[in-house]
Amino acid sequence: MLCLTLTGTTLEEDFAQYERNRQWIKLVELRIDLLDESELSTASSFPDRVDVPVILTCRRISDGGNCGLPERQRLSLVRTVAAGHFAYVDIEDDVKKTEFEHELHERGIKIIRSYHDCQGMPADIYSRLSRMATKGDIPKIAVTPKTFMDVISLFRIEQELADVPEKIVIGMGDMGVPTRILYKRTGSFLTFCSDGRSISGAPGHLTPKMMSELYRADQVDKQTHIYGVIGNPVLHTASPMIHNPGFHAIRFNAIYVPFLVDSVRSFFKLAESLRIYGFSVTIPHKQDVLPYLGRITREVKQIGSCNTVVRIQNMWKGINTDYYGFLAPIQREIEQGRIHSALVIGAGGAARAVVWALHNHNIKVTIVNRSKEKAKALAEETMGGYDSLENICAYQGQVDLVVQTTSVGMAPDIDGDPAPDFRFIGSEIVYDLVYKPHETKFLARANAAGCRIQYGIDMLVQQGKLQFEAFTGYHYPQWASIYEME
């Protein structure tokens, strides 16, 4: 079930949030700690205004909430508001059992016994959950994974505590996002979402529409094939907006999820335990995955960088779709002989695919990078030129194609420009691999100079469609509607 956490300061705002999201949710959480004080006297009537079950919650500041009342007053407030027709009341694990809880049980109201840790994860997470369950309530843990091993611990709860039928498991923050989307694979019977991506005390919330229409999280079952993308950072990625609509269009029971990964080795452990069938690889892991691959394609071997991993015959196979994805939007110009020379900014994993693709089409390439040594190493592999980024202005008007391969200018750093002093003369083709925002500051300057510009989103879509084919064995369906793509 998807539960909408209501975040308004008034009951009218909360009701408006409920109405906007009604089609995607099965219940709501009324957060009275976020309400204005003047609203509390009528909060008990809120369940009568909606046609879904309501959870009553008053979260303490120490648990990431907004209620700073002394504990006795806070519990008194919860008891007063709970006189309404609520289905659940959230009571923290460290609150001693009271007559109030007995009253709730007699009225048929379920208690969610919750534990929150906004700073990290306790070492005794399994025993803590088990102990909470013995009280006869629904145990809930909302913790903040700090490493990918913490994420693995959360996914293990389904197996470790299979004898607890109703439980709620939440990983907060960016690293915890996969546990919200794949909540059923943690053993959780519901997950929380909100109108905004993040609210006080619940970082990592996604919107109900995204959870339901993009990820179809509430439809995940034991047969669902899991795919994903690993990176650091990764939540900016638009790849789920390509793959998930594609899966749905061909009626393939699969889901594609972003994983913020600090350790490739740890991710491969989760990939085995969750039986992940394939994943995309982005910055900074395109070379880190290579030691874990049993088979690689010719492009990966040549480039030394992998952006796609698929499971085949009990081993992992590495593919590089960046190579062909990059070429697709400029293939016509290359075939027509309009590109003879290129300047590539950056020398990372994405740059390797770009440089090799251009080299294999007999285009003279010069690589400029902050680290001249890194540029030199790549240039020597491809028999190209190299220089320090600080000398980039020496190449003004000297090349047919300029390719920007770094993450500079990518949201949220939308004002970033990798070469602010470089001036375009208007005859170049300028290609920026950054796709969010749609037009970077770098591309905007090229456009203003009269250059033919190439957006990063086109490469992303092209390489994504090739990944889709590697994952599923099917061509990307023409009728699939890419989700809210810029």
Foldseek 3Di string as FASTA:
>chain_A
DEEAEQQDQALVSSVVQCVVQVVQDQEYEDAPLNHDPVRLVCLLASVVVDDHAYEYEHDDVQQQTRDPDPPVVSVVSQLNSVVHDHQEYEDEQPDDDDVSVVVCVVVNHAYEHEDGAAPADDPPVQVVQVVSVVVVGAYEYEGEHPAVVVVVVQLCQCVSPVVRQEYHYFHADPQGLVCQLQVVSSNHPYHYAYPDCDDGSGHRHHHSCCSCVLFVSVPQDLPEAEEEEEEAVWPVDLLSLQQRLLCVVVVHRYGYYYHHHPDPVSVVVVCVVSVHFKYFYDPPCQQVCVVQFPEEDPLCVLLNGFGIWGDDPNGIYTYHLLLVLVCVVCVVCLVVVQFAEEEEEDQHRSVSSVLVSCLVSNHAYEYEYCPQVSSVVSCVSSVHHYDYLVPVQVCAPPGQEYEYEDCFCAPPNQQGDSRVPHAHQQRHEYEYLRPVVQAGPNNVRNVVNNHNYHTNVSSVNSSSQVSSCVRPVDGRDPPRDRPPGD
